[in-house]
C-alpha atoms as a PDB file:
ATOM      1  CA  MET A   1     254.747 195.937 -56.742  1.00  0.00           C
ATOM      2  CA  LYS A   2     255.281 196.678 -53.092  1.00  0.00           C
ATOM      3  CA  THR A   3     257.878 198.547 -53.529  1.00  0.00           C
ATOM      4  CA  LYS A   4     256.490 201.042 -56.201  1.00  0.00           C
ATOM      5  CA  LEU A   5     253.222 200.834 -53.980  1.00  0.00           C
ATOM      6  CA  PHE A   6     255.483 202.796 -51.164  1.00  0.00           C
ATOM      7  CA  VAL A   7     257.389 204.807 -53.377  1.00  0.00           C
ATOM      8  CA  SER A   8     254.495 206.382 -54.725  1.00  0.00           C
ATOM      9  CA  VAL A   9     252.514 206.556 -50.970  1.00  0.00           C
ATOM     10  CA  LEU A  10     255.887 207.975 -49.673  1.00  0.00           C
ATOM     11  CA  ALA A  11     256.536 210.592 -52.530  1.00  0.00           C
ATOM     12  CA  THR A  12     252.613 211.890 -52.396  1.00  0.00           C
ATOM     13  CA  ALA A  13     253.390 211.987 -48.607  1.00  0.00           C
ATOM     14  CA  SER A  14     256.201 214.381 -49.004  1.00  0.00           C
ATOM     15  CA  LEU A  15     254.350 216.080 -51.212  1.00  0.00           C
ATOM     16  CA  PHE A  16     251.275 217.361 -49.432  1.00  0.00           C
ATOM     17  CA  LEU A  17     254.284 217.652 -46.220  1.00  0.00           C
ATOM     18  CA  SER A  18     256.002 220.482 -48.533  1.00  0.00           C
ATOM     19  CA  CYS A  19     253.229 222.210 -49.559  1.00  0.00           C
ATOM     20  CA  SER A  20     251.890 222.441 -45.977  1.00  0.00           C
ATOM     21  CA  ASN A  21     255.243 223.673 -44.625  1.00  0.00           C
ATOM     22  CA  ASP A  22     254.970 226.828 -47.960  1.00  0.00           C
ATOM     23  CA  LYS A  23     251.394 227.673 -46.333  1.00  0.00           C
ATOM     24  CA  LYS A  24     253.090 228.038 -42.640  1.00  0.00           C
ATOM     25  CA  SER A  25     255.499 230.417 -44.124  1.00  0.00           C
ATOM     26  CA  ALA A  26     253.117 232.368 -45.767  1.00  0.00           C
ATOM     27  CA  ASN A  27     250.908 232.935 -43.274  1.00  0.00           C
ATOM     28  CA  GLN A  28     253.909 234.026 -41.173  1.00  0.00           C
ATOM     29  CA  ALA A  29     255.010 236.297 -44.201  1.00  0.00           C
ATOM     30  CA  LYS A  30     251.157 238.047 -44.037  1.00  0.00           C
ATOM     31  CA  THR A  31     251.070 238.348 -40.075  1.00  0.00           C
ATOM     32  CA  ASN A  32     254.370 240.925 -40.181  1.00  0.00           C
ATOM     33  CA  ALA A  33     252.784 242.127 -42.880  1.00  0.00           C
ATOM     34  CA  ASP A  34     249.219 242.747 -40.818  1.00  0.00           C
ATOM     35  CA  ILE A  35     251.480 244.239 -37.901  1.00  0.00           C
ATOM     36  CA  LYS A  36     253.180 246.413 -40.372  1.00  0.00           C
ATOM     37  CA  SER A  37     250.579 248.036 -42.433  1.00  0.00           C
ATOM     38  CA  ASP A  38     249.322 250.186 -40.069  1.00  0.00           C
ATOM     39  CA  ILE A  39     252.772 252.670 -40.202  1.00  0.00           C
ATOM     40  CA  ILE A  40     251.791 255.158 -42.731  1.00  0.00           C
ATOM     41  CA  ILE A  41     255.195 257.290 -42.583  1.00  0.00           C
ATOM     42  CA  GLU A  42     257.732 257.569 -40.309  1.00  0.00           C
ATOM     43  CA  ASN A  43     261.034 259.862 -39.853  1.00  0.00           C
ATOM     44  CA  THR A  44     264.208 259.081 -37.609  1.00  0.00           C
ATOM     45  CA  LYS A  45     267.058 261.285 -36.126  1.00  0.00           C
ATOM     46  CA  ILE A  46     269.728 260.410 -34.547  1.00  0.00           C
ATOM     47  CA  ARG A  47     271.462 262.735 -32.198  1.00  0.00           C
ATOM     48  CA  THR A  48     274.732 261.816 -31.093  1.00  0.00           C
ATOM     49  CA  GLY A  49     276.407 263.954 -27.735  1.00  0.00           C
ATOM     50  CA  ILE A  50     279.961 264.226 -26.724  1.00  0.00           C
ATOM     51  CA  SER A  51     279.986 260.587 -26.034  1.00  0.00           C
ATOM     52  CA  ALA A  52     278.152 257.457 -27.316  1.00  0.00           C
ATOM     53  CA  VAL A  53     276.153 257.503 -23.591  1.00  0.00           C
ATOM     54  CA  ASP A  54     274.250 260.825 -24.410  1.00  0.00           C
ATOM     55  CA  GLU A  55     272.772 259.586 -28.038  1.00  0.00           C
ATOM     56  CA  GLU A  56     269.431 259.913 -28.529  1.00  0.00           C
ATOM     57  CA  ARG A  57     267.389 258.669 -31.099  1.00  0.00           C
ATOM     58  CA  SER A  58     264.089 260.507 -32.000  1.00  0.00           C
ATOM     59  CA  PHE A  59     261.073 258.841 -34.248  1.00  0.00           C
ATOM     60  CA  ILE A  60     258.027 260.311 -35.609  1.00  0.00           C
ATOM     61  CA  ILE A  61     255.195 257.791 -36.900  1.00  0.00           C
ATOM     62  CA  VAL A  62     251.866 258.201 -38.298  1.00  0.00           C
ATOM     63  CA  THR A  63     249.949 255.019 -37.815  1.00  0.00           C
ATOM     64  CA  GLY A  64     246.117 254.559 -38.909  1.00  0.00           C
ATOM     65  CA  LYS A  65     243.950 254.013 -42.139  1.00  0.00           C
ATOM     66  CA  SER A  66     245.265 257.214 -43.573  1.00  0.00           C
ATOM     67  CA  LEU A  67     247.379 260.437 -42.933  1.00  0.00           C
ATOM     68  CA  LEU A  68     244.024 263.016 -42.115  1.00  0.00           C
ATOM     69  CA  GLU A  69     242.646 260.064 -39.350  1.00  0.00           C
ATOM     70  CA  GLY A  70     245.791 258.714 -38.021  1.00  0.00           C
ATOM     71  CA  THR A  71     247.870 259.238 -35.223  1.00  0.00           C
ATOM     72  CA  ALA A  72     251.585 261.024 -34.767  1.00  0.00           C
ATOM     73  CA  THR A  73     253.331 259.391 -32.047  1.00  0.00           C
ATOM     74  CA  VAL A  74     257.008 261.042 -31.085  1.00  0.00           C
ATOM     75  CA  LYS A  75     259.452 258.969 -28.963  1.00  0.00           C
ATOM     76  CA  THR A  76     262.825 259.635 -27.980  1.00  0.00           C
ATOM     77  CA  THR A  77     264.674 257.041 -26.485  1.00  0.00           C
ATOM     78  CA  ASN A  78     268.490 256.955 -25.218  1.00  0.00           C
ATOM     79  CA  ILE A  79     270.965 254.380 -26.561  1.00  0.00           C
ATOM     80  CA  LYS A  80     269.698 251.488 -24.368  1.00  0.00           C
ATOM     81  CA  GLY A  81     266.087 252.038 -25.797  1.00  0.00           C
ATOM     82  CA  GLU A  82     264.905 253.507 -23.162  1.00  0.00           C
ATOM     83  CA  GLU A  83     262.128 255.801 -23.633  1.00  0.00           C
ATOM     84  CA  ILE A  84     263.046 259.773 -23.052  1.00  0.00           C
ATOM     85  CA  HIS A  85     259.929 261.271 -24.171  1.00  0.00           C
ATOM     86  CA  CYS A  86     256.743 260.299 -25.913  1.00  0.00           C
ATOM     87  CA  GLU A  87     253.864 262.514 -26.866  1.00  0.00           C
ATOM     88  CA  THR A  88     250.905 261.342 -29.058  1.00  0.00           C
ATOM     89  CA  PHE A  89     248.711 263.092 -31.279  1.00  0.00           C
ATOM     90  CA  PRO A  90     246.343 263.567 -34.058  1.00  0.00           C
ATOM     91  CA  ALA A  91     248.330 263.979 -37.328  1.00  0.00           C
ATOM     92  CA  LYS A  92     245.955 266.545 -38.393  1.00  0.00           C
ATOM     93  CA  LYS A  93     247.909 268.839 -36.177  1.00  0.00           C
ATOM     94  CA  LEU A  94     250.778 268.719 -38.376  1.00  0.00           C
ATOM     95  CA  ILE A  95     249.040 270.879 -40.665  1.00  0.00           C
ATOM     96  CA  ASP A  96     250.067 274.121 -40.584  1.00  0.00           C
ATOM     97  CA  GLN A  97     247.561 277.374 -40.496  1.00  0.00           C
ATOM     98  CA  GLU A  98     247.594 278.233 -43.911  1.00  0.00           C
ATOM     99  CA  TYR A  99     246.699 274.651 -45.023  1.00  0.00           C
ATOM    100  CA  LYS A 100     243.958 274.271 -43.154  1.00  0.00           C
ATOM    101  CA  THR A 101     241.098 275.020 -45.736  1.00  0.00           C
ATOM    102  CA  ALA A 102     242.771 272.676 -48.485  1.00  0.00           C
ATOM    103  CA  ASN A 103     241.402 270.049 -50.133  1.00  0.00           C
ATOM    104  CA  SER A 104     242.366 266.530 -48.599  1.00  0.00           C
ATOM    105  CA  THR A 105     245.298 265.751 -51.071  1.00  0.00           C
ATOM    106  CA  LEU A 106     247.246 268.986 -50.448  1.00  0.00           C
ATOM    107  CA  LYS A 107     246.630 268.151 -46.807  1.00  0.00           C
ATOM    108  CA  GLU A 108     247.810 264.949 -46.866  1.00  0.00           C
ATOM    109  CA  SER A 109     251.137 265.711 -48.553  1.00  0.00           C
ATOM    110  CA  HIS A 110     251.263 268.847 -46.218  1.00  0.00           C
ATOM    111  CA  ILE A 111     251.616 266.448 -43.546  1.00  0.00           C
ATOM    112  CA  MET A 112     254.027 264.166 -45.454  1.00  0.00           C
ATOM    113  CA  GLU A 113     256.321 267.011 -45.608  1.00  0.00           C
ATOM    114  CA  ASN A 114     255.899 267.974 -42.034  1.00  0.00           C
ATOM    115  CA  VAL A 115     256.653 264.096 -40.967  1.00  0.00           C
ATOM    116  CA  GLN A 116     259.952 264.267 -43.445  1.00  0.00           C
ATOM    117  CA  ASN A 117     261.007 267.620 -41.735  1.00  0.00           C
ATOM    118  CA  TYR A 118     260.280 267.347 -38.664  1.00  0.00           C
ATOM    119  CA  PHE A 119     263.147 267.412 -36.829  1.00  0.00           C
ATOM    120  CA  GLU A 120     264.914 269.904 -39.341  1.00  0.00           C
ATOM    121  CA  VAL A 121     262.466 272.506 -38.092  1.00  0.00           C
ATOM    122  CA  ASN A 122     263.685 274.530 -34.665  1.00  0.00           C
ATOM    123  CA  HIS A 123     259.977 274.317 -33.204  1.00  0.00           C
ATOM    124  CA  SER A 124     259.565 270.482 -33.855  1.00  0.00           C
ATOM    125  CA  ARG A 125     257.524 270.544 -30.117  1.00  0.00           C
ATOM    126  CA  ASP A 126     255.435 273.273 -31.127  1.00  0.00           C
ATOM    127  CA  LEU A 127     253.974 271.800 -34.357  1.00  0.00           C
ATOM    128  CA  ALA A 128     252.369 268.590 -32.245  1.00  0.00           C
ATOM    129  CA  LYS A 129     250.847 271.233 -29.653  1.00  0.00           C
ATOM    130  CA  SER A 130     249.533 273.970 -32.375  1.00  0.00           C
END
C-alpha cells in the first residue's frame, strides 16, 4: 500500500516538474520572438577587399510598428565587428519623390523595394539624405 502511494506521488510530482519546464522554454521562446518582432525588413551586403581584413558588412534594417512609421538604420562593420559607419533616419526618407503622393500601400511597397535594392543603387547614401 505504501509502495503504491509512493509511486503515485512520485508520478504526480514528475508530471508537474515536466510541465513547469515546458512553460519556461515557451516563455523563453516568446521573449526571443519579442526581441526580434520590431524588425520589419532588413538587407545585408558583404564587400570583400583585397584581403579578408578589408571585408566590410553593411546592413539596412527598418524597425518599428510599420514601414511608414519605422526607423531605418544603415550600419557598416569591419570583419572584427567594429562599427565603421552608422546612420539612422525615418524610413519615409526611402520613398522617392514620385511616390510621395501615393497611397500608403504603394509607399510601403516602395520602401520594401528600396531596402531590397539599397546596396545596388550607386547613390545609396544619398537616399538617406533626401
